[in-house]
Amino acid sequence: SRLHFMRRLWRTAALLSRIHTEGPAELFQFFRYVNIGGNTKDNVPCFLNGYYNHSSYTVENRAELRKDRFWWVDYKQRHGFATIYQNDICTDDLFYWMDGGGQHLDHNFVEWCCHPDYHHRGQWSNFVGPYSMRPRCIAGRQVHQYNFDYLTQAWSHYHELGVGRTAYAAFEEGHEGSGEVVG
């Protein structure tokens, strides 16, 4: 995913690097610090919550996750930041895998990506759905543009209010195998 991003969106990667170096924001790349397993089920709970017990974690025992440990809780409760979560796949990880970890979020922007033009009612393949090798569109617009638009609007809104903000944004384009959709 990251290599596809760096290869295909090199201008965006350079801009993000410049923003990190010169300001006004601080950006983080995790470089596999949270890559503790071979798939999303292993890695996402660890990244979002700090919880990981590979031998016992299942969707059924997800209640063991401490909802007060999601990384955005500190930003919201201690610092008054607006918190934004967005994902462009038709699954709400926060509730499915994390037993409602979205309760401390101001914005949870996920539902739009269940649109049948994109989601294809769960009938995903190499040619349809969020991992397709073809560009993914809703109403003629590539799906990542909806994520960027929403994030930009929320970010600008809270900036105008003078409120700090933090966001988690996931883009599934990097998960397709050819590397041709991104860029």
C-alpha atoms as a PDB file:
ATOM      1  CA  SER A   1       0.000   0.000   0.000  1.00  0.00           C
ATOM      2  CA  ARG A   2       2.624   2.534   1.014  1.00  0.00           C
ATOM      3  CA  LEU A   3       4.904   1.626  -1.885  1.00  0.00           C
ATOM      4  CA  HIS A   4       2.035   2.063  -4.357  1.00  0.00           C
ATOM      5  CA  PHE A   5       1.360   5.463  -2.824  1.00  0.00           C
ATOM      6  CA  MET A   6       4.995   6.587  -3.000  1.00  0.00           C
ATOM      7  CA  ARG A   7       5.417   5.320  -6.569  1.00  0.00           C
ATOM      8  CA  ARG A   8       2.161   6.503  -8.089  1.00  0.00           C
ATOM      9  CA  LEU A   9       1.460   9.653  -6.064  1.00  0.00           C
ATOM     10  CA  TRP A  10       4.973  10.965  -5.779  1.00  0.00           C
ATOM     11  CA  ARG A  11       3.872  14.616  -5.936  1.00  0.00           C
ATOM     12  CA  THR A  12       1.443  14.071  -3.061  1.00  0.00           C
ATOM     13  CA  ALA A  13       4.140  12.246  -1.098  1.00  0.00           C
ATOM     14  CA  ALA A  14       6.531  15.164  -1.678  1.00  0.00           C
ATOM     15  CA  LEU A  15       3.885  17.658  -0.534  1.00  0.00           C
ATOM     16  CA  LEU A  16       3.197  15.665   2.638  1.00  0.00           C
ATOM     17  CA  SER A  17       6.922  15.523   3.345  1.00  0.00           C
ATOM     18  CA  ARG A  18       7.188  19.291   2.869  1.00  0.00           C
ATOM     19  CA  ILE A  19       4.207  19.902   5.181  1.00  0.00           C
ATOM     20  CA  HIS A  20       5.829  17.717   7.825  1.00  0.00           C
ATOM     21  CA  THR A  21       9.207  19.432   7.494  1.00  0.00           C
ATOM     22  CA  GLU A  22       8.083  23.054   7.113  1.00  0.00           C
ATOM     23  CA  GLY A  23       4.712  23.018   8.898  1.00  0.00           C
ATOM     24  CA  PRO A  24       1.954  23.846   9.620  1.00  0.00           C
ATOM     25  CA  ALA A  25       1.130  20.245  10.579  1.00  0.00           C
ATOM     26  CA  GLU A  26       2.922  17.244  11.977  1.00  0.00           C
ATOM     27  CA  LEU A  27       2.433  14.040   9.999  1.00  0.00           C
ATOM     28  CA  PHE A  28       3.244  10.495  11.020  1.00  0.00           C
ATOM     29  CA  GLN A  29       4.201   7.454   9.004  1.00  0.00           C
ATOM     30  CA  PHE A  30       4.277   4.313  11.042  1.00  0.00           C
ATOM     31  CA  PHE A  31       6.712   2.206   8.995  1.00  0.00           C
ATOM     32  CA  ARG A  32       5.339  -1.107  10.185  1.00  0.00           C
ATOM     33  CA  TYR A  33       5.367  -0.154  13.877  1.00  0.00           C
ATOM     34  CA  VAL A  34       1.864  -1.537  14.105  1.00  0.00           C
ATOM     35  CA  ASN A  35       2.287  -4.324  11.573  1.00  0.00           C
ATOM     36  CA  ILE A  36       2.130  -7.208  13.977  1.00  0.00           C
ATOM     37  CA  GLY A  37       0.208  -9.673  11.876  1.00  0.00           C
ATOM     38  CA  GLY A  38      -0.473 -10.610   8.306  1.00  0.00           C
ATOM     39  CA  ASN A  39      -3.817  -8.910   7.811  1.00  0.00           C
ATOM     40  CA  THR A  40      -6.161  -6.127   8.825  1.00  0.00           C
ATOM     41  CA  LYS A  41      -7.779  -8.130  11.629  1.00  0.00           C
ATOM     42  CA  ASP A  42      -4.410  -8.300  13.384  1.00  0.00           C
ATOM     43  CA  ASN A  43      -3.166  -4.801  12.658  1.00  0.00           C
ATOM     44  CA  VAL A  44      -6.120  -2.420  12.906  1.00  0.00           C
ATOM     45  CA  PRO A  45      -7.049  -3.065  16.566  1.00  0.00           C
ATOM     46  CA  CYS A  46      -3.413  -2.597  17.567  1.00  0.00           C
ATOM     47  CA  PHE A  47      -3.066   0.624  15.612  1.00  0.00           C
ATOM     48  CA  LEU A  48      -6.313   2.189  16.767  1.00  0.00           C
ATOM     49  CA  ASN A  49      -6.424   0.920  20.337  1.00  0.00           C
ATOM     50  CA  GLY A  50      -3.043  -0.431  21.374  1.00  0.00           C
ATOM     51  CA  TYR A  51      -4.694  -3.769  22.089  1.00  0.00           C
ATOM     52  CA  TYR A  52      -3.241  -6.947  20.776  1.00  0.00           C
ATOM     53  CA  ASN A  53      -3.493 -10.479  21.992  1.00  0.00           C
ATOM     54  CA  HIS A  54      -2.962 -12.584  18.912  1.00  0.00           C
ATOM     55  CA  SER A  55      -3.794 -15.849  20.584  1.00  0.00           C
ATOM     56  CA  SER A  56      -7.167 -14.740  21.934  1.00  0.00           C
ATOM     57  CA  TYR A  57      -8.517 -11.859  19.842  1.00  0.00           C
ATOM     58  CA  THR A  58     -11.706 -12.610  17.946  1.00  0.00           C
ATOM     59  CA  VAL A  59     -14.675 -10.551  16.907  1.00  0.00           C
ATOM     60  CA  GLU A  60     -16.580 -12.279  19.690  1.00  0.00           C
ATOM     61  CA  ASN A  61     -14.241 -11.159  22.488  1.00  0.00           C
ATOM     62  CA  ARG A  62     -13.658  -7.656  21.155  1.00  0.00           C
ATOM     63  CA  ALA A  63     -15.233  -6.213  24.308  1.00  0.00           C
ATOM     64  CA  GLU A  64     -11.788  -6.645  25.906  1.00  0.00           C
ATOM     65  CA  LEU A  65     -10.740  -3.546  23.985  1.00  0.00           C
ATOM     66  CA  ARG A  66     -10.636  -0.520  26.225  1.00  0.00           C
ATOM     67  CA  LYS A  67     -12.656   2.160  24.510  1.00  0.00           C
ATOM     68  CA  ASP A  68     -10.809   4.856  26.425  1.00  0.00           C
ATOM     69  CA  ARG A  69      -7.530   3.810  24.775  1.00  0.00           C
ATOM     70  CA  PHE A  70      -8.355   4.689  21.181  1.00  0.00           C
ATOM     71  CA  TRP A  71      -5.689   7.176  20.182  1.00  0.00           C
ATOM     72  CA  TRP A  72      -8.161   9.934  19.378  1.00  0.00           C
ATOM     73  CA  VAL A  73      -9.729   9.889  22.873  1.00  0.00           C
ATOM     74  CA  ASP A  74      -6.774  11.803  24.307  1.00  0.00           C
ATOM     75  CA  TYR A  75      -6.947  14.387  21.545  1.00  0.00           C
ATOM     76  CA  LYS A  76     -10.660  14.917  22.175  1.00  0.00           C
ATOM     77  CA  GLN A  77     -10.925  14.749  25.954  1.00  0.00           C
ATOM     78  CA  ARG A  78      -7.660  16.301  27.083  1.00  0.00           C
ATOM     79  CA  HIS A  79      -7.037  18.760  24.276  1.00  0.00           C
ATOM     80  CA  GLY A  80     -10.497  19.543  22.891  1.00  0.00           C
ATOM     81  CA  PHE A  81      -9.681  18.473  19.342  1.00  0.00           C
ATOM     82  CA  ALA A  82     -12.335  17.607  16.798  1.00  0.00           C
ATOM     83  CA  THR A  83     -11.921  13.928  15.860  1.00  0.00           C
ATOM     84  CA  ILE A  84     -12.586  12.554  12.386  1.00  0.00           C
ATOM     85  CA  TYR A  85     -12.570   8.942  11.183  1.00  0.00           C
ATOM     86  CA  GLN A  86     -13.120   7.974   7.590  1.00  0.00           C
ATOM     87  CA  ASN A  87     -12.738   4.787   5.637  1.00  0.00           C
ATOM     88  CA  ASP A  88     -13.676   4.074   2.041  1.00  0.00           C
ATOM     89  CA  ILE A  89     -14.832   0.501   2.390  1.00  0.00           C
ATOM     90  CA  CYS A  90     -18.324  -0.625   3.345  1.00  0.00           C
ATOM     91  CA  THR A  91     -17.512  -1.918   6.798  1.00  0.00           C
ATOM     92  CA  ASP A  92     -17.404  -0.055  10.024  1.00  0.00           C
ATOM     93  CA  ASP A  93     -14.265  -1.427  11.646  1.00  0.00           C
ATOM     94  CA  LEU A  94     -14.869   0.585  14.773  1.00  0.00           C
ATOM     95  CA  PHE A  95     -18.062  -1.253  15.514  1.00  0.00           C
ATOM     96  CA  TYR A  96     -17.392  -4.596  13.867  1.00  0.00           C
ATOM     97  CA  TRP A  97     -13.921  -5.265  15.211  1.00  0.00           C
ATOM     98  CA  MET A  98     -13.759  -2.790  18.043  1.00  0.00           C
ATOM     99  CA  ASP A  99     -17.061  -2.990  19.856  1.00  0.00           C
ATOM    100  CA  GLY A 100     -18.108   0.595  19.338  1.00  0.00           C
ATOM    101  CA  GLY A 101     -14.793   2.423  19.541  1.00  0.00           C
ATOM    102  CA  GLY A 102     -16.262   5.321  17.580  1.00  0.00           C
ATOM    103  CA  GLN A 103     -18.085   6.733  20.572  1.00  0.00           C
ATOM    104  CA  HIS A 104     -15.433   9.443  21.070  1.00  0.00           C
ATOM    105  CA  LEU A 105     -15.536  10.629  17.473  1.00  0.00           C
ATOM    106  CA  ASP A 106     -17.104  13.818  16.207  1.00  0.00           C
ATOM    107  CA  HIS A 107     -17.304  12.460  12.651  1.00  0.00           C
ATOM    108  CA  ASN A 108     -17.432   8.883  11.395  1.00  0.00           C
ATOM    109  CA  PHE A 109     -17.603   9.091   7.606  1.00  0.00           C
ATOM    110  CA  VAL A 110     -18.102   5.539   6.325  1.00  0.00           C
ATOM    111  CA  GLU A 111     -21.687   4.995   5.171  1.00  0.00           C
ATOM    112  CA  TRP A 112     -21.321   6.588   1.731  1.00  0.00           C
ATOM    113  CA  CYS A 113     -19.081   3.793   0.506  1.00  0.00           C
ATOM    114  CA  CYS A 114     -21.885   1.237   0.763  1.00  0.00           C
ATOM    115  CA  HIS A 115     -23.263   2.733  -2.468  1.00  0.00           C
ATOM    116  CA  PRO A 116     -24.048  -0.141  -4.871  1.00  0.00           C
ATOM    117  CA  ASP A 117     -21.975   1.400  -7.703  1.00  0.00           C
ATOM    118  CA  TYR A 118     -18.895   0.973  -5.520  1.00  0.00           C
ATOM    119  CA  HIS A 119     -19.658  -1.778  -3.039  1.00  0.00           C
ATOM    120  CA  HIS A 120     -21.365  -4.110  -5.539  1.00  0.00           C
ATOM    121  CA  ARG A 121     -23.322  -5.672  -2.675  1.00  0.00           C
ATOM    122  CA  GLY A 122     -20.234  -7.451  -1.390  1.00  0.00           C
ATOM    123  CA  GLN A 123     -19.534  -9.231  -4.683  1.00  0.00           C
ATOM    124  CA  TRP A 124     -15.911  -8.118  -4.886  1.00  0.00           C
ATOM    125  CA  SER A 125     -13.326  -9.330  -7.345  1.00  0.00           C
ATOM    126  CA  ASN A 126     -10.288  -8.030  -9.169  1.00  0.00           C
ATOM    127  CA  PHE A 127     -12.668  -6.054 -11.394  1.00  0.00           C
ATOM    128  CA  VAL A 128     -15.415  -4.717  -9.066  1.00  0.00           C
ATOM    129  CA  GLY A 129     -15.524  -3.452  -5.502  1.00  0.00           C
ATOM    130  CA  PRO A 130     -12.993  -1.688  -3.285  1.00  0.00           C
ATOM    131  CA  TYR A 131     -10.007  -3.819  -4.360  1.00  0.00           C
ATOM    132  CA  SER A 132     -10.721  -3.633  -8.076  1.00  0.00           C
ATOM    133  CA  MET A 133      -7.933  -3.074 -10.588  1.00  0.00           C
ATOM    134  CA  ARG A 134     -10.317  -0.718 -12.357  1.00  0.00           C
ATOM    135  CA  PRO A 135     -10.927   2.823 -11.115  1.00  0.00           C
ATOM    136  CA  ARG A 136     -13.694   2.841  -8.506  1.00  0.00           C
ATOM    137  CA  CYS A 137     -16.360   5.429  -9.091  1.00  0.00           C
ATOM    138  CA  ILE A 138     -19.671   6.635  -7.716  1.00  0.00           C
ATOM    139  CA  ALA A 139     -21.657   8.917  -9.998  1.00  0.00           C
ATOM    140  CA  GLY A 140     -18.618   9.349 -12.252  1.00  0.00           C
ATOM    141  CA  ARG A 141     -16.220  10.440  -9.472  1.00  0.00           C
ATOM    142  CA  GLN A 142     -13.427   8.289  -8.110  1.00  0.00           C
ATOM    143  CA  VAL A 143     -14.179   7.222  -4.562  1.00  0.00           C
ATOM    144  CA  HIS A 144     -11.063   8.704  -2.980  1.00  0.00           C
ATOM    145  CA  GLN A 145     -12.294  12.143  -4.021  1.00  0.00           C
ATOM    146  CA  TYR A 146     -15.244  11.785  -1.639  1.00  0.00           C
ATOM    147  CA  ASN A 147     -12.809  11.103   1.206  1.00  0.00           C
ATOM    148  CA  PHE A 148     -10.651  14.095   0.297  1.00  0.00           C
ATOM    149  CA  ASP A 149     -13.689  16.373  -0.067  1.00  0.00           C
ATOM    150  CA  TYR A 150     -15.122  15.414   3.301  1.00  0.00           C
ATOM    151  CA  LEU A 151     -11.796  15.676   5.097  1.00  0.00           C
ATOM    152  CA  THR A 152     -11.113  19.082   3.530  1.00  0.00           C
ATOM    153  CA  GLN A 153     -14.553  20.390   4.523  1.00  0.00           C
ATOM    154  CA  ALA A 154     -14.305  19.139   8.117  1.00  0.00           C
ATOM    155  CA  TRP A 155     -10.716  20.356   8.476  1.00  0.00           C
ATOM    156  CA  SER A 156     -11.598  23.828   7.157  1.00  0.00           C
ATOM    157  CA  HIS A 157     -14.716  24.062   9.324  1.00  0.00           C
ATOM    158  CA  TYR A 158     -12.824  23.401  12.562  1.00  0.00           C
ATOM    159  CA  HIS A 159      -9.940  25.616  11.467  1.00  0.00           C
ATOM    160  CA  GLU A 160     -12.407  28.507  11.054  1.00  0.00           C
ATOM    161  CA  LEU A 161     -13.697  27.786  14.574  1.00  0.00           C
ATOM    162  CA  GLY A 162     -10.148  27.770  15.945  1.00  0.00           C
ATOM    163  CA  VAL A 163     -10.450  24.152  17.052  1.00  0.00           C
ATOM    164  CA  GLY A 164      -7.589  21.667  16.816  1.00  0.00           C
ATOM    165  CA  ARG A 165      -8.343  18.539  14.824  1.00  0.00           C
ATOM    166  CA  THR A 166      -7.063  15.059  14.193  1.00  0.00           C
ATOM    167  CA  ALA A 167      -8.139  12.582  11.544  1.00  0.00           C
ATOM    168  CA  TYR A 168      -7.765   8.966  10.524  1.00  0.00           C
ATOM    169  CA  ALA A 169      -8.389   8.499   6.816  1.00  0.00           C
ATOM    170  CA  ALA A 170      -8.113   5.166   4.999  1.00  0.00           C
ATOM    171  CA  PHE A 171      -7.913   4.812   1.234  1.00  0.00           C
ATOM    172  CA  GLU A 172      -8.423   1.332  -0.177  1.00  0.00           C
ATOM    173  CA  GLU A 173      -6.937   2.205  -3.577  1.00  0.00           C
ATOM    174  CA  GLY A 174      -3.534   1.150  -2.318  1.00  0.00           C
ATOM    175  CA  HIS A 175      -4.740  -2.400  -1.734  1.00  0.00           C
ATOM    176  CA  GLU A 176      -5.305  -3.398  -5.327  1.00  0.00           C
ATOM    177  CA  GLY A 177      -2.682  -5.609  -6.877  1.00  0.00           C
ATOM    178  CA  SER A 178      -1.726  -3.860 -10.119  1.00  0.00           C
ATOM    179  CA  GLY A 179      -0.763  -0.475  -8.684  1.00  0.00           C
ATOM    180  CA  GLU A 180      -2.412   1.176 -11.669  1.00  0.00           C
ATOM    181  CA  VAL A 181      -5.527   2.581  -9.979  1.00  0.00           C
ATOM    182  CA  VAL A 182      -3.572   4.947  -7.761  1.00  0.00           C
ATOM    183  CA  GLY A 183      -2.256   7.937  -9.679  1.00  0.00           C
END
